[in-house]
Protein backbone atom coordinates (compact mmCIF):
# COMPACT_ATOMS: atom_id res chain seq x y z
CA MET A 1 71.82 93.67 104.96
CA LEU A 2 74.93 95.78 105.49
CA LEU A 3 74.31 99.53 105.66
CA LEU A 4 76.68 102.35 106.44
CA SER A 5 75.95 104.79 109.21
CA SER A 6 74.59 108.23 108.39
CA LEU A 7 78.20 109.41 108.03
CA SER A 8 80.24 108.51 104.98
CA TYR A 9 83.90 108.99 104.24
CA ARG A 10 86.22 109.83 101.41
CA ARG A 11 89.66 108.21 101.46
CA GLY A 12 90.01 108.28 105.25
CA GLU A 13 88.13 111.53 105.87
CA VAL A 14 84.69 111.56 107.55
CA VAL A 15 82.14 113.50 105.52
CA GLU A 16 78.71 114.59 106.70
CA PRO A 17 75.92 113.25 104.46
CA GLN A 18 74.40 115.63 101.97
CA LYS A 19 70.91 116.83 102.75
CA GLY A 20 68.46 114.32 101.31
CA ALA A 21 71.15 111.62 100.86
CA VAL A 22 69.66 108.14 100.51
CA MET A 23 71.07 105.18 102.39
CA PRO A 24 71.99 102.15 100.28
CA THR A 25 69.17 99.72 99.54
CA LYS A 26 71.46 97.03 98.05
CA THR A 27 74.12 95.07 99.86
CA ILE A 28 77.72 96.03 99.24
CA GLN A 29 78.22 92.66 97.52
CA GLN A 30 75.34 93.36 95.10
CA VAL A 31 76.76 96.79 94.23
CA GLN A 32 80.26 95.36 93.74
CA GLU A 33 78.94 92.61 91.44
CA GLU A 34 76.80 95.05 89.42
CA HIS A 35 79.72 97.42 88.74
CA THR A 36 82.60 94.93 88.29
CA ASP A 37 82.21 94.60 84.48
CA GLU A 38 82.19 98.40 84.14
CA TRP A 39 85.36 98.78 86.22
CA MET A 40 87.12 95.84 84.57
CA ALA A 41 86.66 97.58 81.19
CA ILE A 42 88.98 100.37 82.40
CA PRO A 43 92.54 99.79 81.15
CA GLY A 44 94.68 98.76 84.12
CA ALA A 45 91.87 97.38 86.31
CA VAL A 46 92.55 93.76 87.29
CA GLY A 47 89.91 92.87 89.89
CA THR A 48 87.36 93.91 92.49
CA ALA A 49 86.44 92.75 95.97
CA VAL A 50 84.56 93.74 99.10
CA GLY A 51 86.91 94.71 101.90
CA GLN A 52 87.59 97.27 104.59
CA ASP A 53 89.34 100.61 104.65
CA GLN A 54 90.18 101.95 108.10
CA GLY A 55 87.71 99.48 109.63
CA ARG A 56 84.81 100.46 107.37
CA PRO A 57 83.31 98.29 104.62
CA CYS A 58 84.24 99.34 101.09
CA ILE A 59 84.47 98.12 97.53
CA LEU A 60 88.05 97.55 96.43
CA VAL A 61 89.14 97.99 92.82
CA PHE A 62 92.58 96.49 92.16
CA THR A 63 94.72 98.01 89.41
CA ALA A 64 97.89 97.01 87.59
CA SER A 65 98.73 100.61 86.83
CA ASN A 66 98.35 103.73 88.93
CA THR A 67 97.48 106.17 86.14
CA GLU A 68 95.46 109.36 86.18
CA GLN A 69 92.92 107.70 83.86
CA VAL A 70 92.29 104.91 86.37
CA ARG A 71 91.95 107.38 89.25
CA GLN A 72 89.51 109.55 87.25
CA GLU A 73 87.30 106.73 85.98
CA ILE A 74 86.74 104.96 89.29
CA PRO A 75 84.40 106.90 91.60
CA LEU A 76 85.03 107.55 95.31
CA MET A 77 81.48 106.40 96.11
CA VAL A 78 78.97 104.23 94.29
CA GLU A 79 75.37 103.69 95.40
CA GLY A 80 76.26 104.85 98.92
CA TYR A 81 79.38 102.70 99.37
CA PRO A 82 82.99 103.96 99.36
CA VAL A 83 85.28 102.70 96.60
CA VAL A 84 89.00 102.34 97.26
CA VAL A 85 91.53 101.87 94.45
CA GLN A 86 94.47 99.64 95.35
CA HIS A 87 97.46 99.51 93.01
CA MET A 88 98.88 95.99 93.06
CA GLY A 89 100.84 95.68 89.83
CA GLU A 90 100.46 93.09 87.09
CA VAL A 91 98.50 89.92 87.88
CA ARG A 92 99.35 86.70 86.08
CA ALA A 93 98.64 83.01 86.51
CA LEU A 94 101.33 80.77 87.93
CA ASP A 95 102.78 78.09 85.66
CA LYS A 96 101.49 74.56 86.29
CA GLN A 97 104.14 72.34 87.78
C-alpha cells in the first residue's frame, strides 16, 4: 500500500499536517478510480491518472480547458492524496488508416 509521509503538499509547497489528520487507508489507485466519474462530469475534464508531481505521488486530472470552474471544482487534496490539474487541450481519437 502506498502512503504519503506525515507531511503533505499543496502545488509544490510542503504543508505540515493538521492536528488529528488521518493518513490514507486506501491506495492512490483506489481513490483515483472512486473519484474519476465525479471529476469527468466536470465540463472540460478529459481524463485522470496516477502520476507524480515534484517526485511525489499524486492524482492527475487532465482538462481540455483551463477555466476557473475547473480549478474550483477539483480539490487540491482528496482522501489524503494531492490532486494536480494538468491542462492538455482537446483530446480526440485519431482517424483509422
